[in-house]
Protein backbone atom coordinates (compact mmCIF):
# COMPACT_ATOMS: atom_id res chain seq x y z
CA MET A 1 0.00 0.00 0.00
CA ASN A 2 1.44 3.41 -0.94
CA LYS A 3 1.49 6.10 1.76
CA PRO A 4 2.82 9.69 1.63
CA ILE A 5 5.85 10.91 3.58
CA VAL A 6 4.76 13.47 6.19
CA GLY A 7 8.03 14.00 8.09
CA TYR A 8 11.45 12.66 9.02
CA HIS A 9 13.55 11.89 12.06
CA LYS A 10 16.90 10.25 12.76
CA ASP A 11 17.20 6.88 14.49
CA GLU A 12 19.69 5.89 17.21
CA GLU A 13 22.30 5.11 14.53
CA ASP A 14 21.93 8.58 12.94
CA ASP A 15 20.11 7.23 9.84
CA TRP A 16 17.15 9.12 8.37
CA VAL A 17 13.69 7.62 8.81
CA ALA A 18 10.61 8.72 6.86
CA GLU A 19 7.41 9.13 8.84
CA LEU A 20 4.45 7.98 6.76
CA GLN A 21 0.88 9.29 6.97
CA CYS A 22 -0.28 5.88 8.21
CA GLY A 23 1.92 6.18 11.33
CA HIS A 24 4.60 3.75 10.17
CA PHE A 25 8.30 4.56 9.86
CA GLN A 26 10.60 3.58 7.00
CA HIS A 27 14.36 4.07 6.68
CA VAL A 28 15.48 6.26 3.77
CA ARG A 29 19.24 5.73 3.88
CA HIS A 30 21.80 7.09 1.46
CA ASN A 31 24.50 4.41 1.35
CA PRO A 32 26.13 4.37 -2.10
CA PRO A 33 26.72 2.35 -4.14
CA PHE A 34 24.08 0.04 -2.65
CA ILE A 35 21.37 2.63 -1.91
CA CYS A 36 21.50 5.96 -3.72
CA ARG A 37 19.21 8.58 -2.18
CA PRO A 38 21.22 11.81 -2.24
CA TRP A 39 18.05 13.83 -1.54
CA VAL A 40 18.03 12.57 2.04
CA ILE A 41 21.31 14.33 2.90
CA THR A 42 19.91 17.89 2.89
CA GLU A 43 16.87 19.45 4.49
CA LYS A 44 15.91 20.92 1.11
CA GLY A 45 16.10 17.45 -0.47
CA ARG A 46 14.03 15.84 2.26
CA ASN A 47 11.42 18.61 2.11
CA SER A 48 11.16 18.18 -1.64
CA LEU A 49 9.96 14.61 -1.11
CA LEU A 50 7.30 15.39 1.50
CA GLY A 51 4.08 13.92 0.10
CA HIS A 52 6.00 11.40 -2.03
CA LEU A 53 4.44 7.95 -1.88
CA LEU A 54 6.40 5.03 -0.44
CA LYS A 55 5.25 1.42 -0.40
CA CYS A 56 4.37 0.60 3.21
CA LYS A 57 4.91 -3.09 3.82
CA LYS A 58 3.71 -2.70 7.42
CA CYS A 59 0.29 -1.54 6.16
CA ASP A 60 0.19 -4.49 3.77
CA LEU A 61 0.76 -6.77 6.78
CA GLY A 62 -1.84 -4.97 8.91
CA GLN A 63 0.70 -3.94 11.57
CA PRO A 64 -0.13 -1.22 14.11
CA PRO A 65 1.41 2.27 13.73
CA ASP A 66 4.96 2.86 14.96
CA LEU A 67 4.03 6.15 16.64
């Protein structure tokens, strides 16, 4: 199920985590060459993806919100 990004926070390992409208969290790491998400490095880049839809596997599994 696709859900929009509504915010971000960093986890205990200093990695960025997207907060989805459904209440679930999803890591959005930039770890080249394996994962290339340069937009996550800057506040401007992250803000540009607010509202972007991410596939929420937790919703597909019927899991409760992470909040």
